[in-house]
Amino acid sequence: MAGEFELIARHFSTPTHHTDLGVGDDAALMRVAPGMQLVVSSDMLVEGTHFLPDANPYLLGWKTAAVNISDLAAMAATPRWITLALALPAADEAWVGTLARGFHACCMEYGVDWVGGDTTRGPRNLCATIFGEVPQGEAVRRDGAQVGDDIWVSGEPGMAALGLAALLEGVGLGAFRDPCLLHLHKPIPRVELGLALRGVAHAMLDVSDGILGDLGHILERSGVGAELDEAALPLAPLLQACGDAARAQRALLAGGDDYELLFTAAPGRAAYIRSEAARLELPIHRLGRITAEHGVRLHQVDGAFRELKPASYDHFAT
């Protein structure tokens, strides 16, 4: 059975492209380009909370890298370097090797150097830290939403939530089961869209806890409210998948695990946003607008308004 250092040497030492010193010493050495700010984010995935015990290790490796890279996309930053710390109940080399291949594949896809990490014995969890660059003062934050802004989201939010419902609740999705599971297990960080929105989006984040919950973070930090248009909600693919309007709307607004970009921008930038989405061959949806009145209201198709609660998943809620 391989030991800690054998696992690192065999599976975690990968070629780097913009790193002075990678895996093999006490720390990595990197240089940030002049005029750039360093952007740093960490995410932990814990067995039983974020993934099931029988999760495919390749896809788990991909997702561990992807959710971290997505955080930098949400700041309109370029991802550059990543570390991975693992706790494992045993040194299962086949499992670790497959996980490492998935993690490295995602890093290679987005030009990220894997520069270090750690391994230890314990309940299985994975903690990655991502580092990137953004021109000084140009990061898109959560606190910049302005009254009158349009609210946008990329991709097909809600599909991952239906995939999880299929696994945990046995919800039948027919031919949509595999696409929904792919959304859940192999999220796509929207790095190119994030870079295209630098200087355009006023506020932005990636959707990990559901549109309503994550929109609530923008509203709280920006001191504003929101009005969503029911007719504009991208429910069609979700309705095709599950055939249940109420479940489709819950998956869209509260499902999470999408890692799509949710952002606000001035109405005058709508043509540019749509053109960039078309260039990237990425669906884009205008959901509503930012308001001066706090809270979130849904403008229903019958003309009435309904208050919505922008609650997020809380790991410590009772």
Protein backbone atom coordinates (compact mmCIF):
# COMPACT_ATOMS: atom_id res chain seq x y z
CA MET A 1 0.00 0.00 0.00
CA ALA A 2 1.35 3.41 -0.97
CA GLY A 3 2.24 5.89 1.77
CA GLU A 4 1.56 9.62 1.86
CA PHE A 5 4.69 10.73 0.00
CA GLU A 6 4.34 8.02 -2.64
CA LEU A 7 0.77 9.17 -3.33
CA ILE A 8 1.93 12.78 -3.69
CA ALA A 9 4.83 11.87 -5.95
CA ARG A 10 2.75 9.61 -8.22
CA HIS A 11 -0.49 11.52 -8.47
CA PHE A 12 -0.12 15.15 -7.29
CA SER A 13 3.08 16.22 -9.07
CA THR A 14 1.85 17.66 -12.36
CA PRO A 15 3.56 19.97 -14.90
CA THR A 16 3.15 23.72 -14.34
CA HIS A 17 3.14 26.56 -16.85
CA HIS A 18 3.25 29.87 -14.93
CA THR A 19 4.76 28.82 -11.60
CA ASP A 20 8.33 29.33 -10.38
CA LEU A 21 8.25 26.32 -8.02
CA GLY A 22 5.45 23.78 -7.73
CA VAL A 23 5.03 20.52 -5.79
CA GLY A 24 8.09 19.14 -3.98
CA ASP A 25 9.20 21.78 -1.48
CA ASP A 26 7.71 23.28 1.70
CA ALA A 27 5.74 25.80 -0.36
CA ALA A 28 5.14 26.87 -3.93
CA LEU A 29 6.56 30.03 -5.49
CA MET A 30 4.43 32.19 -7.80
CA ARG A 31 4.68 35.72 -9.16
CA VAL A 32 1.68 38.00 -9.67
CA ALA A 33 1.99 40.21 -12.73
CA PRO A 34 2.54 43.95 -12.16
CA GLY A 35 -0.68 45.93 -11.73
CA MET A 36 -2.68 42.84 -10.72
CA GLN A 37 -4.43 41.95 -7.47
CA LEU A 38 -4.21 38.42 -6.04
CA VAL A 39 -7.59 36.70 -5.73
CA VAL A 40 -7.88 33.75 -3.31
CA SER A 41 -10.76 31.39 -2.45
CA SER A 42 -11.15 28.04 -0.66
CA ASP A 43 -13.90 25.41 -0.83
CA MET A 44 -14.25 22.16 1.09
CA LEU A 45 -16.20 19.11 -0.09
CA VAL A 46 -17.09 16.65 2.69
CA GLU A 47 -18.35 13.12 2.15
CA GLY A 48 -21.97 12.81 3.23
CA THR A 49 -22.55 16.57 2.92
CA HIS A 50 -21.30 17.47 -0.56
CA PHE A 51 -20.91 14.06 -2.17
CA LEU A 52 -22.09 10.50 -1.64
CA PRO A 53 -19.73 7.71 -0.50
CA ASP A 54 -20.00 5.98 -3.89
CA ALA A 55 -19.27 9.14 -5.90
CA ASN A 56 -17.24 8.63 -9.06
CA PRO A 57 -13.72 9.76 -8.02
CA TYR A 58 -12.85 11.20 -11.45
CA LEU A 59 -15.94 13.41 -11.47
CA LEU A 60 -15.39 14.28 -7.80
CA GLY A 61 -11.87 15.43 -8.65
CA TRP A 62 -13.21 17.54 -11.52
CA LYS A 63 -15.92 19.08 -9.34
CA THR A 64 -13.48 19.89 -6.52
CA ALA A 65 -11.37 21.94 -8.94
CA ALA A 66 -14.37 23.36 -10.80
CA VAL A 67 -16.21 24.83 -7.82
CA ASN A 68 -13.05 26.69 -6.80
CA ILE A 69 -12.32 27.94 -10.31
CA SER A 70 -15.94 29.10 -10.47
CA ASP A 71 -15.35 31.39 -7.48
CA LEU A 72 -12.70 33.25 -9.48
CA ALA A 73 -14.94 33.43 -12.54
CA ALA A 74 -17.48 35.15 -10.28
CA MET A 75 -14.90 37.85 -9.49
CA ALA A 76 -14.04 38.35 -13.19
CA ALA A 77 -10.56 37.03 -12.36
CA THR A 78 -8.19 34.75 -14.24
CA PRO A 79 -7.51 31.51 -12.31
CA ARG A 80 -3.79 30.66 -12.10
CA TRP A 81 -2.84 28.30 -9.23
CA ILE A 82 -4.57 25.73 -7.03
CA THR A 83 -3.73 23.50 -4.05
CA LEU A 84 -5.58 20.41 -2.83
CA ALA A 85 -5.64 19.04 0.74
CA LEU A 86 -7.15 15.57 1.24
CA ALA A 87 -8.29 13.66 4.29
CA LEU A 88 -8.68 9.95 3.51
CA PRO A 89 -9.76 7.02 5.68
CA ALA A 90 -7.16 4.83 3.89
CA ALA A 91 -4.53 5.17 1.18
CA ASP A 92 -6.63 3.69 -1.63
CA GLU A 93 -4.25 4.37 -4.49
CA ALA A 94 -6.66 3.47 -7.28
CA TRP A 95 -9.30 5.87 -5.88
CA VAL A 96 -6.73 8.64 -5.28
CA GLY A 97 -5.21 8.22 -8.74
CA THR A 98 -8.60 8.51 -10.44
CA LEU A 99 -9.52 11.55 -8.31
CA ALA A 100 -6.21 13.18 -9.21
CA ARG A 101 -6.82 12.63 -12.93
CA GLY A 102 -10.20 14.32 -12.72
CA PHE A 103 -8.82 17.22 -10.68
CA HIS A 104 -5.90 17.69 -13.08
CA ALA A 105 -8.15 17.46 -16.14
CA CYS A 106 -10.24 20.38 -14.89
CA CYS A 107 -7.10 22.38 -14.03
CA MET A 108 -5.70 21.78 -17.52
CA GLU A 109 -9.00 22.81 -19.14
CA TYR A 110 -8.82 26.24 -17.47
CA GLY A 111 -5.04 26.80 -17.49
CA VAL A 112 -4.59 26.37 -13.74
CA ASP A 113 -1.30 25.11 -12.26
CA TRP A 114 -1.68 22.52 -9.46
CA VAL A 115 1.07 23.67 -7.09
CA GLY A 116 0.69 21.71 -3.83
CA GLY A 117 -1.49 20.55 -0.97
CA ASP A 118 -1.51 17.96 1.81
CA THR A 119 -2.79 14.48 2.69
CA THR A 120 -3.79 13.07 6.06
CA ARG A 121 -5.84 10.22 7.53
CA GLY A 122 -9.40 11.03 8.53
CA PRO A 123 -13.02 11.16 7.32
CA ARG A 124 -12.95 11.77 3.58
CA ASN A 125 -12.96 15.43 2.61
CA LEU A 126 -11.29 17.56 -0.02
CA CYS A 127 -10.27 21.18 0.43
CA ALA A 128 -8.90 23.18 -2.49
CA THR A 129 -7.56 26.73 -2.50
CA ILE A 130 -7.53 28.67 -5.76
CA PHE A 131 -5.38 31.71 -6.57
CA GLY A 132 -5.81 34.07 -9.49
CA GLU A 133 -5.24 37.55 -10.83
CA VAL A 134 -7.41 40.52 -11.69
CA PRO A 135 -6.35 44.04 -12.71
CA GLN A 136 -6.16 46.38 -9.73
CA GLY A 137 -9.65 47.57 -8.78
CA GLU A 138 -11.47 45.61 -11.52
CA ALA A 139 -12.77 42.61 -9.57
CA VAL A 140 -16.56 42.31 -9.72
CA ARG A 141 -17.85 42.10 -6.13
CA ARG A 142 -21.20 41.39 -4.52
CA ASP A 143 -21.76 44.91 -3.25
CA GLY A 144 -22.12 46.85 -6.49
CA ALA A 145 -25.72 46.21 -7.59
CA GLN A 146 -27.55 49.43 -8.55
CA VAL A 147 -31.24 50.26 -8.61
CA GLY A 148 -32.52 49.69 -12.15
CA ASP A 149 -29.95 47.01 -13.00
CA ASP A 150 -31.08 43.93 -14.89
CA ILE A 151 -30.56 40.59 -13.11
CA TRP A 152 -29.04 37.83 -15.26
CA VAL A 153 -28.09 34.18 -14.85
CA SER A 154 -26.12 31.95 -17.20
CA GLY A 155 -26.66 28.36 -18.31
CA GLU A 156 -29.43 26.00 -17.19
CA PRO A 157 -29.81 26.52 -13.44
CA GLY A 158 -31.88 23.92 -11.62
CA MET A 159 -30.70 20.91 -13.61
CA ALA A 160 -28.17 19.93 -10.92
CA ALA A 161 -30.90 20.08 -8.26
CA LEU A 162 -33.06 17.70 -10.29
CA GLY A 163 -30.07 15.37 -10.63
CA LEU A 164 -29.67 15.35 -6.86
CA ALA A 165 -33.41 14.72 -6.43
CA ALA A 166 -33.08 11.71 -8.76
CA LEU A 167 -30.29 10.28 -6.58
CA LEU A 168 -31.75 11.00 -3.15
CA GLU A 169 -35.51 10.85 -3.78
CA GLY A 170 -35.81 8.62 -6.82
CA VAL A 171 -37.43 11.39 -8.87
CA GLY A 172 -37.97 10.11 -12.40
CA LEU A 173 -36.40 12.27 -15.10
CA GLY A 174 -36.57 9.95 -18.09
CA ALA A 175 -34.14 10.91 -20.84
CA PHE A 176 -33.10 13.97 -18.79
CA ARG A 177 -31.60 11.92 -15.95
CA ASP A 178 -28.08 11.70 -17.41
CA PRO A 179 -27.91 15.41 -18.44
CA CYS A 180 -29.09 16.44 -14.95
CA LEU A 181 -26.53 14.19 -13.28
CA LEU A 182 -23.83 15.64 -15.52
CA HIS A 183 -24.80 19.15 -14.37
CA LEU A 184 -24.52 17.93 -10.77
CA HIS A 185 -21.25 16.01 -11.03
CA LYS A 186 -19.35 17.98 -13.66
CA PRO A 187 -20.11 21.72 -13.34
CA ILE A 188 -18.56 24.06 -15.89
CA PRO A 189 -16.87 27.16 -14.43
CA ARG A 190 -17.92 30.17 -16.52
CA VAL A 191 -14.45 31.72 -16.68
CA GLU A 192 -14.79 33.21 -20.16
CA LEU A 193 -18.13 34.81 -19.34
CA GLY A 194 -16.74 36.20 -16.10
CA LEU A 195 -13.85 37.83 -17.95
CA ALA A 196 -16.24 39.22 -20.58
CA LEU A 197 -18.29 40.83 -17.78
CA ARG A 198 -15.33 42.68 -16.27
CA GLY A 199 -16.30 46.36 -16.36
CA VAL A 200 -19.88 45.43 -17.34
CA ALA A 201 -21.41 43.58 -14.37
CA HIS A 202 -22.01 45.73 -11.30
CA ALA A 203 -22.29 42.74 -8.94
CA MET A 204 -21.74 39.02 -9.48
CA LEU A 205 -21.40 35.64 -7.78
CA ASP A 206 -21.66 31.98 -8.72
CA VAL A 207 -24.79 30.04 -7.83
CA SER A 208 -23.94 27.35 -5.30
CA ASP A 209 -26.91 27.60 -2.91
CA GLY A 210 -29.73 28.48 -5.32
CA ILE A 211 -30.67 31.66 -7.19
CA LEU A 212 -32.79 33.09 -4.38
CA GLY A 213 -30.25 32.46 -1.65
CA ASP A 214 -27.31 33.74 -3.64
CA LEU A 215 -29.23 36.73 -4.98
CA GLY A 216 -29.93 37.50 -1.33
CA HIS A 217 -26.18 37.87 -0.73
CA ILE A 218 -25.95 40.48 -3.50
CA LEU A 219 -29.00 42.34 -2.19
CA GLU A 220 -27.74 42.38 1.38
CA ARG A 221 -24.25 43.56 0.45
CA SER A 222 -25.58 46.17 -1.99
CA GLY A 223 -28.44 47.44 0.19
CA VAL A 224 -31.11 46.95 -2.49
CA GLY A 225 -34.04 44.68 -3.39
CA ALA A 226 -35.15 42.71 -6.43
CA GLU A 227 -38.18 41.99 -8.56
CA LEU A 228 -38.20 38.77 -10.58
CA ASP A 229 -40.46 38.17 -13.60
CA GLU A 230 -42.17 34.78 -13.44
CA ALA A 231 -42.63 34.76 -17.23
CA ALA A 232 -38.86 35.19 -17.70
CA LEU A 233 -37.78 32.30 -15.47
CA PRO A 234 -36.01 29.60 -17.55
CA LEU A 235 -38.29 26.77 -16.45
CA ALA A 236 -38.82 25.00 -19.81
CA PRO A 237 -35.97 22.46 -19.59
CA LEU A 238 -36.80 21.70 -15.97
CA LEU A 239 -40.47 21.15 -16.79
CA GLN A 240 -39.47 18.83 -19.63
CA ALA A 241 -37.27 16.88 -17.24
CA CYS A 242 -39.61 16.42 -14.28
CA GLY A 243 -43.09 17.37 -15.52
CA ASP A 244 -43.88 19.10 -12.22
CA ALA A 245 -44.20 22.90 -12.25
CA ALA A 246 -43.76 23.34 -8.50
CA ARG A 247 -40.67 21.11 -8.37
CA ALA A 248 -39.23 22.84 -11.44
CA GLN A 249 -39.58 26.27 -9.82
CA ARG A 250 -38.06 25.04 -6.53
CA ALA A 251 -35.13 23.50 -8.42
CA LEU A 252 -34.53 26.74 -10.31
CA LEU A 253 -34.85 29.19 -7.42
CA ALA A 254 -33.60 27.15 -4.45
CA GLY A 255 -31.77 24.11 -5.85
CA GLY A 256 -28.13 25.13 -5.87
CA ASP A 257 -25.01 23.29 -7.12
CA ASP A 258 -25.26 25.00 -10.52
CA TYR A 259 -22.13 27.17 -10.37
CA GLU A 260 -23.62 29.45 -13.00
CA LEU A 261 -22.96 33.19 -12.85
CA LEU A 262 -25.67 35.40 -11.36
CA PHE A 263 -25.02 39.10 -11.99
CA THR A 264 -26.50 42.55 -12.36
CA ALA A 265 -25.79 45.09 -15.08
CA ALA A 266 -27.23 48.30 -16.48
CA PRO A 267 -30.08 47.76 -18.99
CA GLY A 268 -27.99 49.46 -21.66
CA ARG A 269 -25.51 46.56 -21.58
CA ALA A 270 -28.13 43.94 -22.52
CA ALA A 271 -27.11 43.75 -26.20
CA TYR A 272 -23.45 43.26 -25.29
CA ILE A 273 -24.33 40.57 -22.72
CA ARG A 274 -26.45 38.67 -25.23
CA SER A 275 -23.77 38.94 -27.92
CA GLU A 276 -21.08 37.58 -25.57
CA ALA A 277 -23.36 34.73 -24.52
CA ALA A 278 -23.96 33.92 -28.20
CA ARG A 279 -20.20 34.00 -28.87
CA LEU A 280 -19.67 31.54 -26.01
CA GLU A 281 -22.67 29.45 -27.13
CA LEU A 282 -24.04 29.81 -23.62
CA PRO A 283 -27.71 30.34 -22.69
CA ILE A 284 -28.31 33.58 -20.78
CA HIS A 285 -31.48 34.68 -19.02
CA ARG A 286 -32.67 38.07 -17.79
CA LEU A 287 -34.63 37.30 -14.61
CA GLY A 288 -35.78 40.72 -13.43
CA ARG A 289 -34.45 43.97 -12.03
CA ILE A 290 -32.88 45.55 -8.95
CA THR A 291 -35.22 47.77 -6.91
CA ALA A 292 -34.84 50.33 -4.15
CA GLU A 293 -37.41 48.45 -2.05
CA HIS A 294 -35.69 45.73 -0.01
CA GLY A 295 -36.71 42.08 -0.28
CA VAL A 296 -37.52 39.93 -3.32
CA ARG A 297 -40.88 40.01 -5.10
CA LEU A 298 -42.04 37.69 -7.87
CA HIS A 299 -44.14 39.39 -10.57
CA GLN A 300 -46.46 36.52 -11.47
CA VAL A 301 -47.92 35.93 -14.91
CA ASP A 302 -51.38 36.87 -13.57
CA GLY A 303 -50.05 40.34 -12.67
CA ALA A 304 -49.97 39.79 -8.90
CA PHE A 305 -46.82 40.06 -6.78
CA ARG A 306 -45.60 37.44 -4.30
CA GLU A 307 -42.92 37.92 -1.67
CA LEU A 308 -40.06 35.44 -1.86
CA LYS A 309 -37.63 34.62 0.92
CA PRO A 310 -33.98 34.75 -0.22
CA ALA A 311 -32.71 32.02 2.12
CA SER A 312 -29.45 30.09 1.52
CA TYR A 313 -28.37 26.64 2.62
CA ASP A 314 -26.78 26.85 6.07
CA HIS A 315 -24.48 23.99 7.18
CA PHE A 316 -25.12 24.84 10.84
CA ALA A 317 -28.87 25.47 10.73
CA THR A 318 -30.89 23.32 13.13
